[in-house]
Amino acid sequence: MTHDEQGALEQDILRLVGSRLLDPLEILLGDGASGALEELRAKARHDAATWAADLLGPDRPRAVHTGARLIAVLYPGDAAFDPPLEWWRTPLGRAIARRVGHPSADRVPYAVAGAMLGITRQGVHDLVRRGKLQQHPDGGVATRSVRERLDPGGAHGDHP
């Protein structure tokens, strides 16, 4: 983990918390809550640094837990989390791919695996053919093999 990587992740998380949680609260509550919202923004700035450090740090179970919390709060919905391909290129998407894998799938299509890895679909086919990624028995690529390729030192942990 580099300082630049952690800073970019922290800013991405802070941007998402602001746009998805705090800005809507400000609109809903109006001017009467400006003091409370400023306190929440200050806390979010502090906590974004902690969340980024947790996601990129050596404690994989903590990283998985933090990633799951962020996904659940920032991307709520009744359906399984299935972000667009370009999401995997964001700092949060790259951190989730490396530490968690795909949060809601044990297998992904080649295009998604490529987005998670930052390579082309053809590159994924090549890695599967060479045994560097595991093809899932039901098609696509095993999410765990994508995560392990991105985070070889974090291959052991509590996440399936």
N, C-alpha and C. Protein backbone atom coordinates (compact mmCIF):
# COMPACT_ATOMS: atom_id res chain seq x y z
N MET A 1 0.84 -1.17 0.00
CA MET A 1 0.00 0.00 0.00
C MET A 1 0.88 1.23 0.00
N THR A 2 0.57 2.16 -0.87
CA THR A 2 1.31 3.40 -0.91
C THR A 2 0.49 4.51 -0.25
N HIS A 3 1.19 5.56 0.14
CA HIS A 3 0.52 6.71 0.74
C HIS A 3 -0.47 7.32 -0.26
N ASP A 4 -0.08 7.38 -1.54
CA ASP A 4 -0.97 7.92 -2.58
C ASP A 4 -2.23 7.07 -2.72
N GLU A 5 -2.04 5.75 -2.68
CA GLU A 5 -3.18 4.84 -2.80
C GLU A 5 -4.15 5.03 -1.63
N GLN A 6 -3.61 5.14 -0.42
CA GLN A 6 -4.47 5.34 0.74
C GLN A 6 -5.16 6.70 0.68
N GLY A 7 -4.45 7.73 0.25
CA GLY A 7 -5.06 9.05 0.13
C GLY A 7 -6.17 9.08 -0.90
N ALA A 8 -5.96 8.43 -2.04
CA ALA A 8 -6.99 8.38 -3.08
C ALA A 8 -8.22 7.61 -2.59
N LEU A 9 -8.00 6.52 -1.87
CA LEU A 9 -9.10 5.73 -1.33
C LEU A 9 -9.86 6.55 -0.29
N GLU A 10 -9.14 7.22 0.58
CA GLU A 10 -9.77 8.06 1.60
C GLU A 10 -10.65 9.13 0.94
N GLN A 11 -10.14 9.80 -0.08
CA GLN A 11 -10.91 10.83 -0.77
C GLN A 11 -12.12 10.25 -1.49
N ASP A 12 -11.99 9.07 -2.07
CA ASP A 12 -13.11 8.42 -2.75
C ASP A 12 -14.20 8.07 -1.74
N ILE A 13 -13.82 7.51 -0.61
CA ILE A 13 -14.80 7.17 0.43
C ILE A 13 -15.48 8.44 0.92
N LEU A 14 -14.70 9.47 1.18
CA LEU A 14 -15.26 10.73 1.68
C LEU A 14 -16.24 11.34 0.67
N ARG A 15 -15.89 11.29 -0.60
CA ARG A 15 -16.77 11.79 -1.65
C ARG A 15 -18.09 11.01 -1.65
N LEU A 16 -18.01 9.69 -1.55
CA LEU A 16 -19.22 8.87 -1.55
C LEU A 16 -20.08 9.11 -0.31
N VAL A 17 -19.46 9.20 0.85
CA VAL A 17 -20.21 9.46 2.08
C VAL A 17 -20.90 10.82 1.97
N GLY A 18 -20.20 11.80 1.43
CA GLY A 18 -20.80 13.12 1.27
C GLY A 18 -21.97 13.10 0.31
N SER A 19 -21.76 12.54 -0.88
CA SER A 19 -22.81 12.61 -1.90
C SER A 19 -23.97 11.66 -1.64
N ARG A 20 -23.72 10.53 -0.99
CA ARG A 20 -24.79 9.55 -0.80
C ARG A 20 -25.49 9.66 0.55
N LEU A 21 -24.80 10.24 1.55
CA LEU A 21 -25.39 10.29 2.88
C LEU A 21 -25.57 11.72 3.40
N LEU A 22 -24.49 12.48 3.42
CA LEU A 22 -24.54 13.79 4.07
C LEU A 22 -25.24 14.85 3.24
N ASP A 23 -24.99 14.91 1.95
CA ASP A 23 -25.67 15.90 1.10
C ASP A 23 -27.19 15.70 1.11
N PRO A 24 -27.68 14.45 0.97
CA PRO A 24 -29.13 14.27 1.06
C PRO A 24 -29.70 14.69 2.42
N LEU A 25 -28.96 14.43 3.50
CA LEU A 25 -29.41 14.88 4.82
C LEU A 25 -29.50 16.40 4.88
N GLU A 26 -28.52 17.06 4.30
CA GLU A 26 -28.52 18.52 4.29
C GLU A 26 -29.75 19.05 3.53
N ILE A 27 -30.07 18.43 2.43
CA ILE A 27 -31.25 18.84 1.66
C ILE A 27 -32.53 18.59 2.46
N LEU A 28 -32.59 17.43 3.08
CA LEU A 28 -33.79 17.05 3.82
C LEU A 28 -33.98 17.91 5.07
N LEU A 29 -32.91 18.14 5.83
CA LEU A 29 -33.02 18.83 7.12
C LEU A 29 -32.93 20.34 7.01
N GLY A 30 -32.34 20.84 5.94
CA GLY A 30 -32.27 22.28 5.74
C GLY A 30 -31.24 22.97 6.61
N ASP A 31 -31.33 24.29 6.66
CA ASP A 31 -30.34 25.12 7.35
C ASP A 31 -30.30 24.89 8.86
N GLY A 32 -31.38 24.47 9.43
CA GLY A 32 -31.44 24.29 10.88
C GLY A 32 -30.49 23.24 11.41
N ALA A 33 -29.98 22.38 10.56
CA ALA A 33 -29.09 21.30 11.00
C ALA A 33 -27.66 21.52 10.56
N SER A 34 -27.31 22.73 10.14
CA SER A 34 -25.97 22.95 9.57
C SER A 34 -24.85 22.65 10.56
N GLY A 35 -25.03 22.98 11.85
CA GLY A 35 -24.00 22.69 12.84
C GLY A 35 -23.79 21.19 13.01
N ALA A 36 -24.89 20.48 13.11
CA ALA A 36 -24.80 19.02 13.27
C ALA A 36 -24.18 18.38 12.03
N LEU A 37 -24.55 18.90 10.85
CA LEU A 37 -23.98 18.34 9.62
C LEU A 37 -22.49 18.63 9.50
N GLU A 38 -22.05 19.78 9.94
CA GLU A 38 -20.61 20.08 9.93
C GLU A 38 -19.85 19.13 10.85
N GLU A 39 -20.44 18.81 12.00
CA GLU A 39 -19.82 17.83 12.90
C GLU A 39 -19.75 16.46 12.22
N LEU A 40 -20.81 16.08 11.53
CA LEU A 40 -20.81 14.80 10.82
C LEU A 40 -19.78 14.78 9.70
N ARG A 41 -19.64 15.90 8.99
CA ARG A 41 -18.63 15.98 7.92
C ARG A 41 -17.22 15.86 8.50
N ALA A 42 -16.98 16.49 9.64
CA ALA A 42 -15.66 16.38 10.28
C ALA A 42 -15.41 14.94 10.73
N LYS A 43 -16.42 14.30 11.29
CA LYS A 43 -16.27 12.90 11.71
C LYS A 43 -16.04 12.01 10.50
N ALA A 44 -16.76 12.27 9.41
CA ALA A 44 -16.58 11.49 8.19
C ALA A 44 -15.16 11.63 7.65
N ARG A 45 -14.58 12.85 7.70
CA ARG A 45 -13.19 13.04 7.25
C ARG A 45 -12.24 12.18 8.09
N HIS A 46 -12.45 12.16 9.39
CA HIS A 46 -11.61 11.35 10.28
C HIS A 46 -11.82 9.86 10.00
N ASP A 47 -13.08 9.46 9.93
CA ASP A 47 -13.38 8.03 9.77
C ASP A 47 -12.99 7.51 8.39
N ALA A 48 -13.05 8.35 7.36
CA ALA A 48 -12.64 7.91 6.02
C ALA A 48 -11.18 7.48 6.03
N ALA A 49 -10.36 8.19 6.80
CA ALA A 49 -8.94 7.80 6.91
C ALA A 49 -8.81 6.44 7.58
N THR A 50 -9.62 6.21 8.61
CA THR A 50 -9.59 4.91 9.31
C THR A 50 -10.09 3.80 8.40
N TRP A 51 -11.18 4.05 7.70
CA TRP A 51 -11.73 3.02 6.80
C TRP A 51 -10.74 2.67 5.69
N ALA A 52 -10.09 3.69 5.14
CA ALA A 52 -9.10 3.44 4.08
C ALA A 52 -7.94 2.62 4.64
N ALA A 53 -7.46 2.97 5.82
CA ALA A 53 -6.37 2.22 6.43
C ALA A 53 -6.79 0.78 6.72
N ASP A 54 -8.03 0.59 7.18
CA ASP A 54 -8.53 -0.76 7.45
C ASP A 54 -8.60 -1.58 6.16
N LEU A 55 -9.12 -0.98 5.09
CA LEU A 55 -9.25 -1.69 3.82
C LEU A 55 -7.91 -2.10 3.24
N LEU A 56 -6.90 -1.25 3.42
CA LEU A 56 -5.60 -1.52 2.82
C LEU A 56 -4.60 -2.15 3.79
N GLY A 57 -4.98 -2.26 5.04
CA GLY A 57 -4.06 -2.76 6.07
C GLY A 57 -3.88 -4.27 6.04
N PRO A 58 -3.03 -4.77 6.94
CA PRO A 58 -2.67 -6.19 6.93
C PRO A 58 -3.72 -7.13 7.52
N ASP A 59 -4.70 -6.59 8.25
CA ASP A 59 -5.72 -7.43 8.90
C ASP A 59 -6.86 -7.70 7.92
N ARG A 60 -6.77 -8.84 7.23
CA ARG A 60 -7.76 -9.15 6.19
C ARG A 60 -9.18 -9.25 6.72
N PRO A 61 -9.44 -9.93 7.84
CA PRO A 61 -10.82 -9.95 8.34
C PRO A 61 -11.37 -8.55 8.61
N ARG A 62 -10.53 -7.66 9.13
CA ARG A 62 -10.96 -6.28 9.37
C ARG A 62 -11.25 -5.59 8.03
N ALA A 63 -10.40 -5.83 7.03
CA ALA A 63 -10.60 -5.24 5.71
C ALA A 63 -11.92 -5.73 5.10
N VAL A 64 -12.20 -7.01 5.22
CA VAL A 64 -13.43 -7.57 4.68
C VAL A 64 -14.64 -6.97 5.40
N HIS A 65 -14.56 -6.87 6.71
CA HIS A 65 -15.66 -6.31 7.50
C HIS A 65 -15.90 -4.84 7.12
N THR A 66 -14.83 -4.07 7.01
CA THR A 66 -14.95 -2.66 6.63
C THR A 66 -15.52 -2.53 5.23
N GLY A 67 -15.03 -3.34 4.30
CA GLY A 67 -15.54 -3.31 2.93
C GLY A 67 -17.02 -3.64 2.87
N ALA A 68 -17.43 -4.65 3.63
CA ALA A 68 -18.84 -5.05 3.64
C ALA A 68 -19.72 -3.93 4.21
N ARG A 69 -19.26 -3.28 5.27
CA ARG A 69 -20.01 -2.17 5.85
C ARG A 69 -20.15 -1.02 4.86
N LEU A 70 -19.06 -0.67 4.21
CA LEU A 70 -19.10 0.44 3.25
C LEU A 70 -20.03 0.14 2.08
N ILE A 71 -19.94 -1.07 1.54
CA ILE A 71 -20.80 -1.45 0.42
C ILE A 71 -22.27 -1.42 0.86
N ALA A 72 -22.57 -1.98 2.03
CA ALA A 72 -23.95 -2.04 2.51
C ALA A 72 -24.55 -0.65 2.70
N VAL A 73 -23.76 0.29 3.20
CA VAL A 73 -24.28 1.63 3.49
C VAL A 73 -24.26 2.53 2.25
N LEU A 74 -23.21 2.45 1.47
CA LEU A 74 -23.08 3.36 0.33
C LEU A 74 -23.83 2.89 -0.91
N TYR A 75 -24.13 1.59 -0.98
CA TYR A 75 -24.83 1.03 -2.15
C TYR A 75 -25.98 0.14 -1.68
N PRO A 76 -26.94 0.72 -0.94
CA PRO A 76 -28.04 -0.10 -0.44
C PRO A 76 -28.96 -0.55 -1.56
N GLY A 77 -29.66 -1.62 -1.32
CA GLY A 77 -30.63 -2.11 -2.30
C GLY A 77 -31.08 -3.50 -1.93
N ASP A 78 -32.15 -3.90 -2.58
CA ASP A 78 -32.70 -5.24 -2.32
C ASP A 78 -32.01 -6.31 -3.15
N ALA A 79 -31.37 -5.90 -4.24
CA ALA A 79 -30.69 -6.86 -5.11
C ALA A 79 -29.22 -6.98 -4.69
N ALA A 80 -28.60 -8.06 -5.11
CA ALA A 80 -27.17 -8.25 -4.83
C ALA A 80 -26.36 -7.12 -5.46
N PHE A 81 -25.30 -6.72 -4.79
CA PHE A 81 -24.43 -5.65 -5.28
C PHE A 81 -23.77 -6.10 -6.58
N ASP A 82 -24.02 -5.37 -7.64
CA ASP A 82 -23.48 -5.70 -8.96
C ASP A 82 -23.08 -4.40 -9.66
N PRO A 83 -21.92 -3.86 -9.31
CA PRO A 83 -21.55 -2.55 -9.84
C PRO A 83 -21.19 -2.62 -11.33
N PRO A 84 -21.28 -1.47 -12.00
CA PRO A 84 -20.86 -1.43 -13.41
C PRO A 84 -19.35 -1.66 -13.51
N LEU A 85 -18.90 -2.08 -14.68
CA LEU A 85 -17.48 -2.39 -14.87
C LEU A 85 -16.57 -1.23 -14.46
N GLU A 86 -16.97 0.00 -14.78
CA GLU A 86 -16.09 1.13 -14.47
C GLU A 86 -15.92 1.37 -12.96
N TRP A 87 -16.86 0.87 -12.14
CA TRP A 87 -16.73 1.03 -10.68
C TRP A 87 -15.45 0.36 -10.18
N TRP A 88 -15.07 -0.75 -10.77
CA TRP A 88 -13.88 -1.48 -10.33
C TRP A 88 -12.60 -0.69 -10.55
N ARG A 89 -12.65 0.38 -11.34
CA ARG A 89 -11.47 1.23 -11.59
C ARG A 89 -11.34 2.35 -10.57
N THR A 90 -12.36 2.54 -9.73
CA THR A 90 -12.30 3.58 -8.70
C THR A 90 -11.39 3.11 -7.56
N PRO A 91 -10.90 4.03 -6.75
CA PRO A 91 -10.08 3.59 -5.61
C PRO A 91 -10.80 2.61 -4.69
N LEU A 92 -12.10 2.86 -4.42
CA LEU A 92 -12.83 1.92 -3.57
C LEU A 92 -13.02 0.60 -4.29
N GLY A 93 -13.34 0.62 -5.56
CA GLY A 93 -13.51 -0.61 -6.32
C GLY A 93 -12.24 -1.45 -6.35
N ARG A 94 -11.09 -0.80 -6.54
CA ARG A 94 -9.81 -1.53 -6.56
C ARG A 94 -9.52 -2.14 -5.18
N ALA A 95 -9.80 -1.38 -4.11
CA ALA A 95 -9.55 -1.91 -2.76
C ALA A 95 -10.47 -3.08 -2.45
N ILE A 96 -11.74 -2.97 -2.82
CA ILE A 96 -12.69 -4.06 -2.58
C ILE A 96 -12.28 -5.30 -3.38
N ALA A 97 -11.90 -5.12 -4.64
CA ALA A 97 -11.48 -6.25 -5.46
C ALA A 97 -10.30 -6.97 -4.82
N ARG A 98 -9.33 -6.20 -4.34
CA ARG A 98 -8.12 -6.80 -3.79
C ARG A 98 -8.35 -7.45 -2.44
N ARG A 99 -9.13 -6.84 -1.57
CA ARG A 99 -9.26 -7.35 -0.21
C ARG A 99 -10.48 -8.24 0.00
N VAL A 100 -11.58 -7.97 -0.74
CA VAL A 100 -12.82 -8.70 -0.53
C VAL A 100 -13.12 -9.63 -1.71
N GLY A 101 -12.75 -9.21 -2.90
CA GLY A 101 -13.19 -9.90 -4.11
C GLY A 101 -14.51 -9.28 -4.52
N HIS A 102 -15.35 -10.01 -5.19
CA HIS A 102 -16.69 -9.49 -5.49
C HIS A 102 -17.54 -9.76 -4.27
N PRO A 103 -18.11 -8.72 -3.67
CA PRO A 103 -18.82 -8.91 -2.40
C PRO A 103 -20.06 -9.78 -2.47
N SER A 104 -20.62 -10.01 -3.66
CA SER A 104 -21.87 -10.76 -3.71
C SER A 104 -21.87 -11.90 -4.72
N ALA A 105 -20.70 -12.30 -5.18
CA ALA A 105 -20.67 -13.37 -6.19
C ALA A 105 -19.44 -14.26 -5.98
N ASP A 106 -19.64 -15.56 -6.09
CA ASP A 106 -18.48 -16.47 -6.00
C ASP A 106 -17.87 -16.72 -7.38
N ARG A 107 -18.56 -16.23 -8.41
CA ARG A 107 -18.01 -16.29 -9.77
C ARG A 107 -18.44 -15.04 -10.51
N VAL A 108 -17.62 -14.63 -11.45
CA VAL A 108 -17.93 -13.44 -12.24
C VAL A 108 -17.63 -13.73 -13.71
N PRO A 109 -18.32 -13.03 -14.61
CA PRO A 109 -18.00 -13.17 -16.04
C PRO A 109 -16.57 -12.67 -16.30
N TYR A 110 -16.03 -13.09 -17.41
CA TYR A 110 -14.66 -12.71 -17.78
C TYR A 110 -14.51 -11.19 -17.84
N ALA A 111 -15.54 -10.49 -18.33
CA ALA A 111 -15.47 -9.02 -18.43
C ALA A 111 -15.35 -8.39 -17.04
N VAL A 112 -16.08 -8.90 -16.07
CA VAL A 112 -16.01 -8.37 -14.71
C VAL A 112 -14.65 -8.70 -14.09
N ALA A 113 -14.19 -9.93 -14.28
CA ALA A 113 -12.86 -10.30 -13.78
C ALA A 113 -11.80 -9.38 -14.36
N GLY A 114 -11.93 -9.07 -15.66
CA GLY A 114 -10.99 -8.15 -16.29
C GLY A 114 -11.05 -6.77 -15.68
N ALA A 115 -12.26 -6.28 -15.43
CA ALA A 115 -12.40 -4.96 -14.80
C ALA A 115 -11.80 -4.96 -13.40
N MET A 116 -12.04 -6.03 -12.64
CA MET A 116 -11.48 -6.13 -11.30
C MET A 116 -9.96 -6.14 -11.33
N LEU A 117 -9.40 -6.81 -12.33
CA LEU A 117 -7.95 -6.93 -12.44
C LEU A 117 -7.30 -5.76 -13.19
N GLY A 118 -8.12 -4.97 -13.86
CA GLY A 118 -7.58 -3.87 -14.65
C GLY A 118 -6.95 -4.33 -15.95
N ILE A 119 -7.48 -5.43 -16.50
CA ILE A 119 -6.96 -5.96 -17.77
C ILE A 119 -8.13 -6.23 -18.70
N THR A 120 -7.82 -6.64 -19.91
CA THR A 120 -8.87 -6.93 -20.88
C THR A 120 -9.47 -8.32 -20.63
N ARG A 121 -10.61 -8.53 -21.25
CA ARG A 121 -11.24 -9.85 -21.20
C ARG A 121 -10.32 -10.92 -21.78
N GLN A 122 -9.65 -10.56 -22.85
CA GLN A 122 -8.70 -11.49 -23.47
C GLN A 122 -7.57 -11.83 -22.50
N GLY A 123 -7.13 -10.83 -21.73
CA GLY A 123 -6.11 -11.08 -20.71
C GLY A 123 -6.59 -12.08 -19.67
N VAL A 124 -7.86 -12.00 -19.31
CA VAL A 124 -8.44 -12.95 -18.36
C VAL A 124 -8.45 -14.35 -18.97
N HIS A 125 -8.87 -14.46 -20.23
CA HIS A 125 -8.85 -15.76 -20.92
C HIS A 125 -7.44 -16.36 -20.88
N ASP A 126 -6.45 -15.53 -21.14
CA ASP A 126 -5.07 -15.99 -21.13
C ASP A 126 -4.66 -16.48 -19.74
N LEU A 127 -5.02 -15.74 -18.70
CA LEU A 127 -4.67 -16.15 -17.34
C LEU A 127 -5.36 -17.45 -16.94
N VAL A 128 -6.61 -17.63 -17.37
CA VAL A 128 -7.32 -18.88 -17.09
C VAL A 128 -6.64 -20.03 -17.82
N ARG A 129 -6.33 -19.80 -19.10
CA ARG A 129 -5.68 -20.84 -19.90
C ARG A 129 -4.33 -21.26 -19.29
N ARG A 130 -3.60 -20.30 -18.75
CA ARG A 130 -2.28 -20.58 -18.16
C ARG A 130 -2.37 -21.05 -16.71
N GLY A 131 -3.60 -21.18 -16.17
CA GLY A 131 -3.78 -21.65 -14.81
C GLY A 131 -3.49 -20.60 -13.74
N LYS A 132 -3.45 -19.34 -14.12
CA LYS A 132 -3.18 -18.25 -13.16
C LYS A 132 -4.46 -17.74 -12.52
N LEU A 133 -5.60 -18.02 -13.14
CA LEU A 133 -6.92 -17.75 -12.59
C LEU A 133 -7.72 -19.04 -12.70
N GLN A 134 -8.63 -19.25 -11.75
CA GLN A 134 -9.42 -20.47 -11.74
C GLN A 134 -10.76 -20.24 -12.43
N GLN A 135 -11.05 -21.06 -13.41
CA GLN A 135 -12.36 -21.03 -14.05
C GLN A 135 -13.36 -21.65 -13.08
N HIS A 136 -14.52 -21.04 -12.95
CA HIS A 136 -15.55 -21.57 -12.06
C HIS A 136 -16.26 -22.71 -12.78
N PRO A 137 -16.62 -23.77 -12.08
CA PRO A 137 -17.30 -24.91 -12.72
C PRO A 137 -18.60 -24.53 -13.43
N ASP A 138 -19.26 -23.48 -12.96
CA ASP A 138 -20.52 -23.04 -13.58
C ASP A 138 -20.32 -21.94 -14.62
N GLY A 139 -19.07 -21.70 -14.98
CA GLY A 139 -18.77 -20.66 -15.98
C GLY A 139 -18.18 -19.43 -15.34
N GLY A 140 -17.49 -18.66 -16.13
CA GLY A 140 -16.86 -17.45 -15.61
C GLY A 140 -15.60 -17.78 -14.83
N VAL A 141 -15.22 -16.86 -13.97
CA VAL A 141 -14.00 -16.98 -13.19
C VAL A 141 -14.35 -16.99 -11.71
N ALA A 142 -13.69 -17.85 -10.95
CA ALA A 142 -13.89 -17.88 -9.50
C ALA A 142 -13.41 -16.57 -8.89
N THR A 143 -14.30 -15.90 -8.18
CA THR A 143 -13.98 -14.62 -7.57
C THR A 143 -12.76 -14.72 -6.66
N ARG A 144 -12.70 -15.79 -5.91
CA ARG A 144 -11.58 -15.96 -4.98
C ARG A 144 -10.24 -15.93 -5.72
N SER A 145 -10.17 -16.53 -6.91
CA SER A 145 -8.90 -16.54 -7.63
C SER A 145 -8.52 -15.14 -8.12
N VAL A 146 -9.52 -14.32 -8.43
CA VAL A 146 -9.25 -12.92 -8.81
C VAL A 146 -8.67 -12.19 -7.61
N ARG A 147 -9.34 -12.31 -6.46
CA ARG A 147 -8.87 -11.65 -5.24
C ARG A 147 -7.46 -12.11 -4.87
N GLU A 148 -7.23 -13.41 -4.94
CA GLU A 148 -5.91 -13.93 -4.57
C GLU A 148 -4.82 -13.46 -5.53
N ARG A 149 -5.17 -13.25 -6.78
CA ARG A 149 -4.19 -12.72 -7.74
C ARG A 149 -3.86 -11.27 -7.40
N LEU A 150 -4.86 -10.51 -6.96
CA LEU A 150 -4.65 -9.11 -6.60
C LEU A 150 -3.96 -8.95 -5.25
N ASP A 151 -4.21 -9.87 -4.34
CA ASP A 151 -3.71 -9.76 -2.97
C ASP A 151 -3.10 -11.09 -2.52
N PRO A 152 -2.00 -11.50 -3.15
CA PRO A 152 -1.45 -12.82 -2.85
C PRO A 152 -1.06 -13.00 -1.40
N GLY A 153 -0.66 -11.94 -0.73
CA GLY A 153 -0.31 -12.04 0.69
C GLY A 153 -1.51 -12.16 1.59
N GLY A 154 -2.69 -11.83 1.07
CA GLY A 154 -3.91 -11.89 1.87
C GLY A 154 -4.77 -13.06 1.51
N ALA A 155 -4.18 -14.10 0.94
CA ALA A 155 -4.96 -15.25 0.47
C ALA A 155 -5.61 -16.02 1.62
N HIS A 156 -5.06 -15.88 2.81
CA HIS A 156 -5.62 -16.62 3.94
C HIS A 156 -6.51 -15.68 4.74
N GLY A 157 -7.64 -16.13 5.16
CA GLY A 157 -8.54 -15.28 5.93
C GLY A 157 -9.89 -15.93 6.08
N ASP A 158 -10.81 -15.19 6.65
CA ASP A 158 -12.11 -15.74 6.97
C ASP A 158 -13.12 -15.61 5.86
N HIS A 159 -12.81 -14.89 4.79
CA HIS A 159 -13.79 -14.66 3.74
C HIS A 159 -13.77 -15.83 2.75
N PRO A 160 -14.94 -16.32 2.35
CA PRO A 160 -14.98 -17.46 1.43
C PRO A 160 -14.40 -17.15 0.07
